[in-house]
Amino acid sequence: MILMIDDNQKISAIQQEFNAMFPYLKLEFFKHAHKAHQGNPKKDMLNASLTLKQIRDKHANGKLEVKESMKVSDLETQFQTLFGISAQVFRKSAGSWIETSVTDNWTLKQQNDEGKDLSDFMKMA
């Protein structure tokens, strides 16, 4: 999947595209960058109705190729390095969304599969 990144795009559009490929994952965007294996405070989460122009100082436009084999940490780093956007991947877990900060070294596919397995398990319970 190719995500197009430009200033006029809303956070919600990027989130929807990402979630279409990974239904058990979601992207959230924050005011400040985080370190690997750490999360962000919820109070720093950005509203999905904001445009990229409103949330970043680095106004580089371009494409971000997202592959199932990408590590979560690599995706988050690319958002920050290439586009000046602080992103965090969350995984569905038993009806809640949890930050994947502890498992940043997992691939997006591993994260999505884990979210599906946990959701399926909860449906059976």
PDB file of N, CA and C in Angstrom:
ATOM      1  N   MET A   1       0.843  -1.163   0.000  1.00  0.00           N
ATOM      2  CA  MET A   1       0.000   0.000   0.000  1.00  0.00           C
ATOM      3  C   MET A   1       0.896   1.236   0.000  1.00  0.00           C
ATOM      4  N   ILE A   2       0.474   2.215  -0.750  1.00  0.00           N
ATOM      5  CA  ILE A   2       1.182   3.496  -0.806  1.00  0.00           C
ATOM      6  C   ILE A   2       0.300   4.552  -0.142  1.00  0.00           C
ATOM      7  N   LEU A   3       0.831   5.199   0.893  1.00  0.00           N
ATOM      8  CA  LEU A   3       0.137   6.327   1.511  1.00  0.00           C
ATOM      9  C   LEU A   3       0.686   7.604   0.907  1.00  0.00           C
ATOM     10  N   MET A   4      -0.202   8.422   0.399  1.00  0.00           N
ATOM     11  CA  MET A   4       0.194   9.726  -0.124  1.00  0.00           C
ATOM     12  C   MET A   4       0.171  10.715   1.034  1.00  0.00           C
ATOM     13  N   ILE A   5       1.277  11.407   1.210  1.00  0.00           N
ATOM     14  CA  ILE A   5       1.408  12.353   2.314  1.00  0.00           C
ATOM     15  C   ILE A   5       1.535  13.758   1.745  1.00  0.00           C
ATOM     16  N   ASP A   6       0.548  14.607   2.045  1.00  0.00           N
ATOM     17  CA  ASP A   6       0.638  16.015   1.654  1.00  0.00           C
ATOM     18  C   ASP A   6      -0.122  16.858   2.669  1.00  0.00           C
ATOM     19  N   ASP A   7       0.180  18.136   2.706  1.00  0.00           N
ATOM     20  CA  ASP A   7      -0.354  19.038   3.722  1.00  0.00           C
ATOM     21  C   ASP A   7      -1.870  19.126   3.759  1.00  0.00           C
ATOM     22  N   ASN A   8      -2.541  18.927   2.643  1.00  0.00           N
ATOM     23  CA  ASN A   8      -3.993  19.081   2.595  1.00  0.00           C
ATOM     24  C   ASN A   8      -4.748  17.861   3.102  1.00  0.00           C
ATOM     25  N   GLN A   9      -4.033  16.780   3.324  1.00  0.00           N
ATOM     26  CA  GLN A   9      -4.670  15.539   3.745  1.00  0.00           C
ATOM     27  C   GLN A   9      -5.014  15.587   5.233  1.00  0.00           C
ATOM     28  N   LYS A  10      -6.169  15.028   5.568  1.00  0.00           N
ATOM     29  CA  LYS A  10      -6.571  14.940   6.971  1.00  0.00           C
ATOM     30  C   LYS A  10      -5.990  13.678   7.601  1.00  0.00           C
ATOM     31  N   ILE A  11      -5.750  13.763   8.889  1.00  0.00           N
ATOM     32  CA  ILE A  11      -5.280  12.603   9.643  1.00  0.00           C
ATOM     33  C   ILE A  11      -6.235  11.435   9.422  1.00  0.00           C
ATOM     34  N   SER A  12      -7.523  11.692   9.448  1.00  0.00           N
ATOM     35  CA  SER A  12      -8.523  10.624   9.313  1.00  0.00           C
ATOM     36  C   SER A  12      -8.380   9.858   7.999  1.00  0.00           C
ATOM     37  N   ALA A  13      -7.984  10.523   6.927  1.00  0.00           N
ATOM     38  CA  ALA A  13      -7.822   9.850   5.630  1.00  0.00           C
ATOM     39  C   ALA A  13      -6.684   8.833   5.690  1.00  0.00           C
ATOM     40  N   ILE A  14      -5.588   9.209   6.309  1.00  0.00           N
ATOM     41  CA  ILE A  14      -4.448   8.289   6.459  1.00  0.00           C
ATOM     42  C   ILE A  14      -4.859   7.119   7.351  1.00  0.00           C
ATOM     43  N   GLN A  15      -5.558   7.420   8.432  1.00  0.00           N
ATOM     44  CA  GLN A  15      -6.002   6.366   9.341  1.00  0.00           C
ATOM     45  C   GLN A  15      -6.910   5.369   8.632  1.00  0.00           C
ATOM     46  N   GLN A  16      -7.820   5.856   7.820  1.00  0.00           N
ATOM     47  CA  GLN A  16      -8.750   4.968   7.116  1.00  0.00           C
ATOM     48  C   GLN A  16      -8.027   4.073   6.116  1.00  0.00           C
ATOM     49  N   GLU A  17      -7.093   4.643   5.371  1.00  0.00           N
ATOM     50  CA  GLU A  17      -6.335   3.834   4.405  1.00  0.00           C
ATOM     51  C   GLU A  17      -5.541   2.747   5.114  1.00  0.00           C
ATOM     52  N   PHE A  18      -4.889   3.107   6.205  1.00  0.00           N
ATOM     53  CA  PHE A  18      -4.084   2.154   6.962  1.00  0.00           C
ATOM     54  C   PHE A  18      -4.981   1.053   7.528  1.00  0.00           C
ATOM     55  N   ASN A  19      -6.107   1.438   8.105  1.00  0.00           N
ATOM     56  CA  ASN A  19      -7.007   0.480   8.724  1.00  0.00           C
ATOM     57  C   ASN A  19      -7.664  -0.443   7.704  1.00  0.00           C
ATOM     58  N   ALA A  20      -7.811   0.007   6.465  1.00  0.00           N
ATOM     59  CA  ALA A  20      -8.367  -0.855   5.420  1.00  0.00           C
ATOM     60  C   ALA A  20      -7.434  -2.037   5.143  1.00  0.00           C
ATOM     61  N   MET A  21      -6.128  -1.808   5.234  1.00  0.00           N
ATOM     62  CA  MET A  21      -5.159  -2.883   5.000  1.00  0.00           C
ATOM     63  C   MET A  21      -4.938  -3.723   6.268  1.00  0.00           C
ATOM     64  N   PHE A  22      -5.010  -3.056   7.409  1.00  0.00           N
ATOM     65  CA  PHE A  22      -4.753  -3.725   8.688  1.00  0.00           C
ATOM     66  C   PHE A  22      -5.951  -3.476   9.619  1.00  0.00           C
ATOM     67  N   PRO A  23      -7.018  -4.269   9.494  1.00  0.00           N
ATOM     68  CA  PRO A  23      -8.253  -3.991  10.235  1.00  0.00           C
ATOM     69  C   PRO A  23      -8.145  -4.123  11.757  1.00  0.00           C
ATOM     70  N   TYR A  24      -7.101  -4.767  12.246  1.00  0.00           N
ATOM     71  CA  TYR A  24      -6.931  -4.916  13.691  1.00  0.00           C
ATOM     72  C   TYR A  24      -5.861  -3.970  14.236  1.00  0.00           C
ATOM     73  N   LEU A  25      -5.456  -3.015  13.384  1.00  0.00           N
ATOM     74  CA  LEU A  25      -4.488  -1.997  13.790  1.00  0.00           C
ATOM     75  C   LEU A  25      -5.061  -0.621  13.491  1.00  0.00           C
ATOM     76  N   LYS A  26      -4.543   0.373  14.188  1.00  0.00           N
ATOM     77  CA  LYS A  26      -4.892   1.750  13.845  1.00  0.00           C
ATOM     78  C   LYS A  26      -3.690   2.638  14.103  1.00  0.00           C
ATOM     79  N   LEU A  27      -3.651   3.726  13.370  1.00  0.00           N
ATOM     80  CA  LEU A  27      -2.614   4.741  13.525  1.00  0.00           C
ATOM     81  C   LEU A  27      -3.198   5.912  14.300  1.00  0.00           C
ATOM     82  N   GLU A  28      -2.440   6.391  15.241  1.00  0.00           N
ATOM     83  CA  GLU A  28      -2.787   7.635  15.922  1.00  0.00           C
ATOM     84  C   GLU A  28      -1.590   8.564  15.768  1.00  0.00           C
ATOM     85  N   PHE A  29      -1.878   9.843  15.787  1.00  0.00           N
ATOM     86  CA  PHE A  29      -0.842  10.852  15.610  1.00  0.00           C
ATOM     87  C   PHE A  29      -0.785  11.737  16.846  1.00  0.00           C
ATOM     88  N   PHE A  30       0.423  12.155  17.192  1.00  0.00           N
ATOM     89  CA  PHE A  30       0.668  12.864  18.447  1.00  0.00           C
ATOM     90  C   PHE A  30       1.462  14.146  18.222  1.00  0.00           C
ATOM     91  N   LYS A  31       1.392  15.035  19.203  1.00  0.00           N
ATOM     92  CA  LYS A  31       2.094  16.318  19.144  1.00  0.00           C
ATOM     93  C   LYS A  31       3.605  16.148  19.156  1.00  0.00           C
ATOM     94  N   HIS A  32       4.088  15.136  19.875  1.00  0.00           N
ATOM     95  CA  HIS A  32       5.529  14.958  20.052  1.00  0.00           C
ATOM     96  C   HIS A  32       5.947  13.541  19.664  1.00  0.00           C
ATOM     97  N   ALA A  33       7.184  13.419  19.225  1.00  0.00           N
ATOM     98  CA  ALA A  33       7.737  12.103  18.891  1.00  0.00           C
ATOM     99  C   ALA A  33       7.962  11.292  20.169  1.00  0.00           C
ATOM    100  N   HIS A  34       7.982   9.995  20.013  1.00  0.00           N
ATOM    101  CA  HIS A  34       8.277   9.114  21.139  1.00  0.00           C
ATOM    102  C   HIS A  34       9.496   8.268  20.801  1.00  0.00           C
ATOM    103  N   LYS A  35      10.121   7.727  21.832  1.00  0.00           N
ATOM    104  CA  LYS A  35      11.279   6.862  21.630  1.00  0.00           C
ATOM    105  C   LYS A  35      10.791   5.430  21.396  1.00  0.00           C
ATOM    106  N   ALA A  36      11.658   4.633  20.793  1.00  0.00           N
ATOM    107  CA  ALA A  36      11.320   3.226  20.549  1.00  0.00           C
ATOM    108  C   ALA A  36      10.937   2.552  21.858  1.00  0.00           C
ATOM    109  N   HIS A  37       9.937   1.702  21.802  1.00  0.00           N
ATOM    110  CA  HIS A  37       9.428   0.929  22.936  1.00  0.00           C
ATOM    111  C   HIS A  37       8.818   1.809  24.022  1.00  0.00           C
ATOM    112  N   GLN A  38       8.454   3.030  23.663  1.00  0.00           N
ATOM    113  CA  GLN A  38       7.751   3.915  24.583  1.00  0.00           C
ATOM    114  C   GLN A  38       6.494   4.421  23.890  1.00  0.00           C
ATOM    115  N   GLY A  39       5.537   4.803  24.690  1.00  0.00           N
ATOM    116  CA  GLY A  39       4.291   5.320  24.145  1.00  0.00           C
ATOM    117  C   GLY A  39       4.219   6.830  24.274  1.00  0.00           C
ATOM    118  N   ASN A  40       3.059   7.346  23.949  1.00  0.00           N
ATOM    119  CA  ASN A  40       2.782   8.774  24.046  1.00  0.00           C
ATOM    120  C   ASN A  40       1.668   9.000  25.059  1.00  0.00           C
ATOM    121  N   PRO A  41       1.700  10.146  25.741  1.00  0.00           N
ATOM    122  CA  PRO A  41       0.577  10.451  26.629  1.00  0.00           C
ATOM    123  C   PRO A  41      -0.694  10.694  25.815  1.00  0.00           C
ATOM    124  N   LYS A  42      -1.802  10.174  26.302  1.00  0.00           N
ATOM    125  CA  LYS A  42      -3.072  10.309  25.586  1.00  0.00           C
ATOM    126  C   LYS A  42      -3.426  11.773  25.348  1.00  0.00           C
ATOM    127  N   LYS A  43      -3.040  12.657  26.260  1.00  0.00           N
ATOM    128  CA  LYS A  43      -3.363  14.082  26.128  1.00  0.00           C
ATOM    129  C   LYS A  43      -2.684  14.713  24.914  1.00  0.00           C
ATOM    130  N   ASP A  44      -1.636  14.070  24.389  1.00  0.00           N
ATOM    131  CA  ASP A  44      -0.920  14.581  23.219  1.00  0.00           C
ATOM    132  C   ASP A  44      -1.479  14.060  21.893  1.00  0.00           C
ATOM    133  N   MET A  45      -2.515  13.200  21.960  1.00  0.00           N
ATOM    134  CA  MET A  45      -3.101  12.646  20.743  1.00  0.00           C
ATOM    135  C   MET A  45      -3.791  13.759  19.953  1.00  0.00           C
ATOM    136  N   LEU A  46      -3.584  13.746  18.635  1.00  0.00           N
ATOM    137  CA  LEU A  46      -4.149  14.778  17.767  1.00  0.00           C
ATOM    138  C   LEU A  46      -5.511  14.373  17.220  1.00  0.00           C
ATOM    139  N   ASN A  47      -6.363  15.356  17.052  1.00  0.00           N
ATOM    140  CA  ASN A  47      -7.701  15.141  16.514  1.00  0.00           C
ATOM    141  C   ASN A  47      -7.613  14.714  15.048  1.00  0.00           C
ATOM    142  N   ALA A  48      -8.377  13.698  14.699  1.00  0.00           N
ATOM    143  CA  ALA A  48      -8.335  13.132  13.341  1.00  0.00           C
ATOM    144  C   ALA A  48      -8.850  14.088  12.272  1.00  0.00           C
ATOM    145  N   SER A  49      -9.548  15.138  12.658  1.00  0.00           N
ATOM    146  CA  SER A  49     -10.071  16.087  11.668  1.00  0.00           C
ATOM    147  C   SER A  49      -9.034  17.121  11.236  1.00  0.00           C
ATOM    148  N   LEU A  50      -7.875  17.140  11.892  1.00  0.00           N
ATOM    149  CA  LEU A  50      -6.820  18.089  11.527  1.00  0.00           C
ATOM    150  C   LEU A  50      -6.142  17.674  10.222  1.00  0.00           C
ATOM    151  N   THR A  51      -5.643  18.661   9.491  1.00  0.00           N
ATOM    152  CA  THR A  51      -4.853  18.367   8.292  1.00  0.00           C
ATOM    153  C   THR A  51      -3.384  18.230   8.689  1.00  0.00           C
ATOM    154  N   LEU A  52      -2.610  17.606   7.809  1.00  0.00           N
ATOM    155  CA  LEU A  52      -1.189  17.451   8.086  1.00  0.00           C
ATOM    156  C   LEU A  52      -0.496  18.805   8.203  1.00  0.00           C
ATOM    157  N   LYS A  53      -0.955  19.771   7.447  1.00  0.00           N
ATOM    158  CA  LYS A  53      -0.377  21.125   7.519  1.00  0.00           C
ATOM    159  C   LYS A  53      -0.485  21.688   8.933  1.00  0.00           C
ATOM    160  N   GLN A  54      -1.563  21.353   9.614  1.00  0.00           N
ATOM    161  CA  GLN A  54      -1.805  21.869  10.953  1.00  0.00           C
ATOM    162  C   GLN A  54      -0.964  21.196  12.027  1.00  0.00           C
ATOM    163  N   ILE A  55      -0.397  20.038  11.734  1.00  0.00           N
ATOM    164  CA  ILE A  55       0.273  19.281  12.799  1.00  0.00           C
ATOM    165  C   ILE A  55       1.784  19.160  12.646  1.00  0.00           C
ATOM    166  N   ARG A  56       2.337  19.674  11.567  1.00  0.00           N
ATOM    167  CA  ARG A  56       3.775  19.452  11.373  1.00  0.00           C
ATOM    168  C   ARG A  56       4.491  20.714  10.913  1.00  0.00           C
ATOM    169  N   ASP A  57       5.780  20.747  11.241  1.00  0.00           N
ATOM    170  CA  ASP A  57       6.643  21.848  10.819  1.00  0.00           C
ATOM    171  C   ASP A  57       7.371  21.504   9.527  1.00  0.00           C
ATOM    172  N   LYS A  58       7.622  20.216   9.321  1.00  0.00           N
ATOM    173  CA  LYS A  58       8.307  19.735   8.124  1.00  0.00           C
ATOM    174  C   LYS A  58       7.243  19.446   7.069  1.00  0.00           C
ATOM    175  N   HIS A  59       7.201  20.244   6.018  1.00  0.00           N
ATOM    176  CA  HIS A  59       6.114  20.140   5.046  1.00  0.00           C
ATOM    177  C   HIS A  59       6.517  19.394   3.774  1.00  0.00           C
ATOM    178  N   ALA A  60       7.266  18.317   3.936  1.00  0.00           N
ATOM    179  CA  ALA A  60       7.647  17.482   2.804  1.00  0.00           C
ATOM    180  C   ALA A  60       6.464  16.613   2.397  1.00  0.00           C
ATOM    181  N   ASN A  61       6.174  16.590   1.120  1.00  0.00           N
ATOM    182  CA  ASN A  61       5.124  15.733   0.586  1.00  0.00           C
ATOM    183  C   ASN A  61       5.769  14.531  -0.076  1.00  0.00           C
ATOM    184  N   GLY A  62       5.036  13.457  -0.186  1.00  0.00           N
ATOM    185  CA  GLY A  62       5.593  12.280  -0.842  1.00  0.00           C
ATOM    186  C   GLY A  62       4.752  11.050  -0.614  1.00  0.00           C
ATOM    187  N   LYS A  63       5.369   9.922  -0.870  1.00  0.00           N
ATOM    188  CA  LYS A  63       4.706   8.626  -0.742  1.00  0.00           C
ATOM    189  C   LYS A  63       5.402   7.829   0.346  1.00  0.00           C
ATOM    190  N   LEU A  64       4.597   7.076   1.069  1.00  0.00           N
ATOM    191  CA  LEU A  64       5.132   6.173   2.078  1.00  0.00           C
ATOM    192  C   LEU A  64       4.623   4.781   1.759  1.00  0.00           C
ATOM    193  N   GLU A  65       5.546   3.903   1.391  1.00  0.00           N
ATOM    194  CA  GLU A  65       5.159   2.525   1.083  1.00  0.00           C
ATOM    195  C   GLU A  65       5.059   1.734   2.378  1.00  0.00           C
ATOM    196  N   VAL A  66       3.899   1.140   2.593  1.00  0.00           N
ATOM    197  CA  VAL A  66       3.647   0.362   3.797  1.00  0.00           C
ATOM    198  C   VAL A  66       3.478  -1.096   3.381  1.00  0.00           C
ATOM    199  N   LYS A  67       4.315  -1.955   3.962  1.00  0.00           N
ATOM    200  CA  LYS A  67       4.276  -3.384   3.653  1.00  0.00           C
ATOM    201  C   LYS A  67       3.978  -4.183   4.911  1.00  0.00           C
ATOM    202  N   GLU A  68       3.352  -5.325   4.725  1.00  0.00           N
ATOM    203  CA  GLU A  68       3.069  -6.211   5.857  1.00  0.00           C
ATOM    204  C   GLU A  68       4.334  -6.600   6.608  1.00  0.00           C
ATOM    205  N   SER A  69       5.437  -6.694   5.890  1.00  0.00           N
ATOM    206  CA  SER A  69       6.693  -7.151   6.474  1.00  0.00           C
ATOM    207  C   SER A  69       7.445  -6.060   7.243  1.00  0.00           C
ATOM    208  N   MET A  70       6.938  -4.822   7.215  1.00  0.00           N
ATOM    209  CA  MET A  70       7.572  -3.708   7.927  1.00  0.00           C
ATOM    210  C   MET A  70       7.411  -3.867   9.428  1.00  0.00           C
ATOM    211  N   LYS A  71       8.471  -3.543  10.141  1.00  0.00           N
ATOM    212  CA  LYS A  71       8.355  -3.494  11.594  1.00  0.00           C
ATOM    213  C   LYS A  71       7.600  -2.227  11.979  1.00  0.00           C
ATOM    214  N   VAL A  72       6.859  -2.309  13.060  1.00  0.00           N
ATOM    215  CA  VAL A  72       6.130  -1.148  13.563  1.00  0.00           C
ATOM    216  C   VAL A  72       7.086   0.021  13.782  1.00  0.00           C
ATOM    217  N   SER A  73       8.225  -0.250  14.394  1.00  0.00           N
ATOM    218  CA  SER A  73       9.193   0.821  14.674  1.00  0.00           C
ATOM    219  C   SER A  73       9.682   1.485  13.394  1.00  0.00           C
ATOM    220  N   ASP A  74       9.834   0.713  12.329  1.00  0.00           N
ATOM    221  CA  ASP A  74      10.286   1.286  11.054  1.00  0.00           C
ATOM    222  C   ASP A  74       9.217   2.203  10.452  1.00  0.00           C
ATOM    223  N   LEU A  75       7.961   1.790  10.519  1.00  0.00           N
ATOM    224  CA  LEU A  75       6.879   2.628  10.014  1.00  0.00           C
ATOM    225  C   LEU A  75       6.819   3.942  10.791  1.00  0.00           C
ATOM    226  N   GLU A  76       6.859   3.860  12.103  1.00  0.00           N
ATOM    227  CA  GLU A  76       6.781   5.055  12.931  1.00  0.00           C
ATOM    228  C   GLU A  76       7.983   5.980  12.688  1.00  0.00           C
ATOM    229  N   THR A  77       9.154   5.385  12.527  1.00  0.00           N
ATOM    230  CA  THR A  77      10.357   6.173  12.246  1.00  0.00           C
ATOM    231  C   THR A  77      10.260   6.869  10.902  1.00  0.00           C
ATOM    232  N   GLN A  78       9.733   6.184   9.890  1.00  0.00           N
ATOM    233  CA  GLN A  78       9.596   6.801   8.573  1.00  0.00           C
ATOM    234  C   GLN A  78       8.628   7.974   8.595  1.00  0.00           C
ATOM    235  N   PHE A  79       7.526   7.839   9.297  1.00  0.00           N
ATOM    236  CA  PHE A  79       6.604   8.970   9.432  1.00  0.00           C
ATOM    237  C   PHE A  79       7.334  10.184  10.013  1.00  0.00           C
ATOM    238  N   GLN A  80       8.132   9.942  11.054  1.00  0.00           N
ATOM    239  CA  GLN A  80       8.823  11.038  11.725  1.00  0.00           C
ATOM    240  C   GLN A  80       9.946  11.609  10.866  1.00  0.00           C
ATOM    241  N   THR A  81      10.790  10.753  10.338  1.00  0.00           N
ATOM    242  CA  THR A  81      11.975  11.196   9.594  1.00  0.00           C
ATOM    243  C   THR A  81      11.621  11.848   8.262  1.00  0.00           C
ATOM    244  N   LEU A  82      10.753  11.208   7.502  1.00  0.00           N
ATOM    245  CA  LEU A  82      10.439  11.706   6.164  1.00  0.00           C
ATOM    246  C   LEU A  82       9.450  12.868   6.160  1.00  0.00           C
ATOM    247  N   PHE A  83       8.492  12.839   7.116  1.00  0.00           N
ATOM    248  CA  PHE A  83       7.389  13.787   7.030  1.00  0.00           C
ATOM    249  C   PHE A  83       7.161  14.628   8.285  1.00  0.00           C
ATOM    250  N   GLY A  84       7.959  14.391   9.334  1.00  0.00           N
ATOM    251  CA  GLY A  84       7.802  15.176  10.554  1.00  0.00           C
ATOM    252  C   GLY A  84       6.495  14.917  11.275  1.00  0.00           C
ATOM    253  N   ILE A  85       6.020  13.676  11.208  1.00  0.00           N
ATOM    254  CA  ILE A  85       4.748  13.301  11.823  1.00  0.00           C
ATOM    255  C   ILE A  85       5.021  12.229  12.877  1.00  0.00           C
ATOM    256  N   SER A  86       4.551  12.477  14.086  1.00  0.00           N
ATOM    257  CA  SER A  86       4.710  11.502  15.162  1.00  0.00           C
ATOM    258  C   SER A  86       3.523  10.540  15.143  1.00  0.00           C
ATOM    259  N   ALA A  87       3.785   9.307  14.720  1.00  0.00           N
ATOM    260  CA  ALA A  87       2.733   8.292  14.603  1.00  0.00           C
ATOM    261  C   ALA A  87       2.980   7.170  15.598  1.00  0.00           C
ATOM    262  N   GLN A  88       1.900   6.533  16.015  1.00  0.00           N
ATOM    263  CA  GLN A  88       1.974   5.388  16.913  1.00  0.00           C
ATOM    264  C   GLN A  88       0.952   4.362  16.443  1.00  0.00           C
ATOM    265  N   VAL A  89       1.386   3.113  16.312  1.00  0.00           N
ATOM    266  CA  VAL A  89       0.486   2.024  15.925  1.00  0.00           C
ATOM    267  C   VAL A  89      -0.161   1.450  17.182  1.00  0.00           C
ATOM    268  N   PHE A  90      -1.463   1.209  17.094  1.00  0.00           N
ATOM    269  CA  PHE A  90      -2.228   0.556  18.152  1.00  0.00           C
ATOM    270  C   PHE A  90      -2.793  -0.741  17.604  1.00  0.00           C
ATOM    271  N   ARG A  91      -2.958  -1.734  18.501  1.00  0.00           N
ATOM    272  CA  ARG A  91      -3.516  -3.032  18.113  1.00  0.00           C
ATOM    273  C   ARG A  91      -4.783  -3.300  18.916  1.00  0.00           C
ATOM    274  N   LYS A  92      -5.758  -3.869  18.251  1.00  0.00           N
ATOM    275  CA  LYS A  92      -6.997  -4.245  18.933  1.00  0.00           C
ATOM    276  C   LYS A  92      -6.697  -5.430  19.846  1.00  0.00           C
ATOM    277  N   SER A  93      -7.154  -5.333  21.080  1.00  0.00           N
ATOM    278  CA  SER A  93      -6.909  -6.394  22.049  1.00  0.00           C
ATOM    279  C   SER A  93      -8.112  -6.496  22.973  1.00  0.00           C
ATOM    280  N   ALA A  94      -8.869  -7.532  22.820  1.00  0.00           N
ATOM    281  CA  ALA A  94     -10.036  -7.786  23.675  1.00  0.00           C
ATOM    282  C   ALA A  94     -10.977  -6.588  23.725  1.00  0.00           C
ATOM    283  N   GLY A  95     -11.246  -5.999  22.579  1.00  0.00           N
ATOM    284  CA  GLY A  95     -12.185  -4.889  22.507  1.00  0.00           C
ATOM    285  C   GLY A  95     -11.597  -3.522  22.818  1.00  0.00           C
ATOM    286  N   SER A  96     -10.332  -3.463  23.176  1.00  0.00           N
ATOM    287  CA  SER A  96      -9.659  -2.197  23.461  1.00  0.00           C
ATOM    288  C   SER A  96      -8.521  -2.003  22.465  1.00  0.00           C
ATOM    289  N   TRP A  97      -8.024  -0.785  22.399  1.00  0.00           N
ATOM    290  CA  TRP A  97      -6.860  -0.491  21.564  1.00  0.00           C
ATOM    291  C   TRP A  97      -5.663  -0.264  22.472  1.00  0.00           C
ATOM    292  N   ILE A  98      -4.581  -1.015  22.230  1.00  0.00           N
ATOM    293  CA  ILE A  98      -3.372  -0.860  23.041  1.00  0.00           C
ATOM    294  C   ILE A  98      -2.216  -0.408  22.150  1.00  0.00           C
ATOM    295  N   GLU A  99      -1.341   0.402  22.731  1.00  0.00           N
ATOM    296  CA  GLU A  99      -0.146   0.820  22.001  1.00  0.00           C
ATOM    297  C   GLU A  99       0.746  -0.396  21.811  1.00  0.00           C
ATOM    298  N   THR A 100       1.393  -0.461  20.674  1.00  0.00           N
ATOM    299  CA  THR A 100       2.276  -1.592  20.382  1.00  0.00           C
ATOM    300  C   THR A 100       3.711  -1.307  20.799  1.00  0.00           C
ATOM    301  N   SER A 101       3.902  -0.371  21.710  1.00  0.00           N
ATOM    302  CA  SER A 101       5.244   0.078  22.061  1.00  0.00           C
ATOM    303  C   SER A 101       6.152  -1.059  22.542  1.00  0.00           C
ATOM    304  N   VAL A 102       5.618  -2.024  23.268  1.00  0.00           N
ATOM    305  CA  VAL A 102       6.433  -3.135  23.764  1.00  0.00           C
ATOM    306  C   VAL A 102       6.822  -4.075  22.628  1.00  0.00           C
ATOM    307  N   THR A 103       5.988  -4.146  21.592  1.00  0.00           N
ATOM    308  CA  THR A 103       6.228  -5.053  20.474  1.00  0.00           C
ATOM    309  C   THR A 103       6.526  -4.274  19.189  1.00  0.00           C
ATOM    310  N   ASP A 104       7.245  -3.165  19.314  1.00  0.00           N
ATOM    311  CA  ASP A 104       7.622  -2.348  18.153  1.00  0.00           C
ATOM    312  C   ASP A 104       8.458  -3.115  17.133  1.00  0.00           C
ATOM    313  N   ASN A 105       9.099  -4.190  17.574  1.00  0.00           N
ATOM    314  CA  ASN A 105       9.949  -4.971  16.660  1.00  0.00           C
ATOM    315  C   ASN A 105       9.147  -6.007  15.867  1.00  0.00           C
ATOM    316  N   TRP A 106       7.849  -6.141  16.127  1.00  0.00           N
ATOM    317  CA  TRP A 106       7.003  -7.035  15.345  1.00  0.00           C
ATOM    318  C   TRP A 106       6.660  -6.379  14.023  1.00  0.00           C
ATOM    319  N   THR A 107       6.362  -7.224  13.027  1.00  0.00           N
ATOM    320  CA  THR A 107       5.919  -6.679  11.743  1.00  0.00           C
ATOM    321  C   THR A 107       4.452  -6.260  11.850  1.00  0.00           C
ATOM    322  N   LEU A 108       4.029  -5.470  10.892  1.00  0.00           N
ATOM    323  CA  LEU A 108       2.623  -5.067  10.856  1.00  0.00           C
ATOM    324  C   LEU A 108       1.720  -6.286  10.709  1.00  0.00           C
ATOM    325  N   LYS A 109       2.150  -7.263   9.923  1.00  0.00           N
ATOM    326  CA  LYS A 109       1.368  -8.493   9.757  1.00  0.00           C
ATOM    327  C   LYS A 109       1.251  -9.237  11.084  1.00  0.00           C
ATOM    328  N   GLN A 110       2.357  -9.367  11.810  1.00  0.00           N
ATOM    329  CA  GLN A 110       2.309 -10.046  13.108  1.00  0.00           C
ATOM    330  C   GLN A 110       1.344  -9.333  14.058  1.00  0.00           C
ATOM    331  N   GLN A 111       1.428  -8.007  14.087  1.00  0.00           N
ATOM    332  CA  GLN A 111       0.554  -7.227  14.955  1.00  0.00           C
ATOM    333  C   GLN A 111      -0.911  -7.433  14.571  1.00  0.00           C
ATOM    334  N   ASN A 112      -1.199  -7.340  13.276  1.00  0.00           N
ATOM    335  CA  ASN A 112      -2.576  -7.486  12.798  1.00  0.00           C
ATOM    336  C   ASN A 112      -3.102  -8.890  13.090  1.00  0.00           C
ATOM    337  N   ASP A 113      -2.277  -9.904  12.847  1.00  0.00           N
ATOM    338  CA  ASP A 113      -2.683 -11.286  13.117  1.00  0.00           C
ATOM    339  C   ASP A 113      -2.969 -11.498  14.604  1.00  0.00           C
ATOM    340  N   GLU A 114      -2.130 -10.907  15.452  1.00  0.00           N
ATOM    341  CA  GLU A 114      -2.334 -11.019  16.899  1.00  0.00           C
ATOM    342  C   GLU A 114      -3.655 -10.352  17.300  1.00  0.00           C
ATOM    343  N   GLY A 115      -3.931  -9.189  16.728  1.00  0.00           N
ATOM    344  CA  GLY A 115      -5.191  -8.501  16.999  1.00  0.00           C
ATOM    345  C   GLY A 115      -6.386  -9.334  16.571  1.00  0.00           C
ATOM    346  N   LYS A 116      -6.276  -9.965  15.411  1.00  0.00           N
ATOM    347  CA  LYS A 116      -7.366 -10.829  14.923  1.00  0.00           C
ATOM    348  C   LYS A 116      -7.556 -12.020  15.856  1.00  0.00           C
ATOM    349  N   ASP A 117      -6.449 -12.674  16.221  1.00  0.00           N
ATOM    350  CA  ASP A 117      -6.539 -13.835  17.114  1.00  0.00           C
ATOM    351  C   ASP A 117      -7.185 -13.466  18.447  1.00  0.00           C
ATOM    352  N   LEU A 118      -6.790 -12.341  19.018  1.00  0.00           N
ATOM    353  CA  LEU A 118      -7.356 -11.909  20.297  1.00  0.00           C
ATOM    354  C   LEU A 118      -8.837 -11.578  20.157  1.00  0.00           C
ATOM    355  N   SER A 119      -9.198 -10.945  19.057  1.00  0.00           N
ATOM    356  CA  SER A 119     -10.604 -10.605  18.824  1.00  0.00           C
ATOM    357  C   SER A 119     -11.443 -11.864  18.621  1.00  0.00           C
ATOM    358  N   ASP A 120     -10.909 -12.816  17.858  1.00  0.00           N
ATOM    359  CA  ASP A 120     -11.618 -14.085  17.632  1.00  0.00           C
ATOM    360  C   ASP A 120     -11.785 -14.849  18.932  1.00  0.00           C
ATOM    361  N   PHE A 121     -10.743 -14.844  19.769  1.00  0.00           N
ATOM    362  CA  PHE A 121     -10.790 -15.538  21.050  1.00  0.00           C
ATOM    363  C   PHE A 121     -11.874 -14.929  21.947  1.00  0.00           C
ATOM    364  N   MET A 122     -11.972 -13.610  21.953  1.00  0.00           N
ATOM    365  CA  MET A 122     -12.966 -12.932  22.794  1.00  0.00           C
ATOM    366  C   MET A 122     -14.395 -13.235  22.318  1.00  0.00           C
ATOM    367  N   LYS A 123     -14.568 -13.418  21.010  1.00  0.00           N
ATOM    368  CA  LYS A 123     -15.899 -13.750  20.470  1.00  0.00           C
ATOM    369  C   LYS A 123     -16.337 -15.133  20.945  1.00  0.00           C
ATOM    370  N   MET A 124     -15.366 -16.060  21.106  1.00  0.00           N
ATOM    371  CA  MET A 124     -15.677 -17.423  21.523  1.00  0.00           C
ATOM    372  C   MET A 124     -15.894 -17.521  23.033  1.00  0.00           C
ATOM    373  N   ALA A 125     -15.311 -16.599  23.767  1.00  0.00           N
ATOM    374  CA  ALA A 125     -15.380 -16.675  25.235  1.00  0.00           C
ATOM    375  C   ALA A 125     -16.742 -16.310  25.774  1.00  0.00           C
TER     376      ALA A 125
END
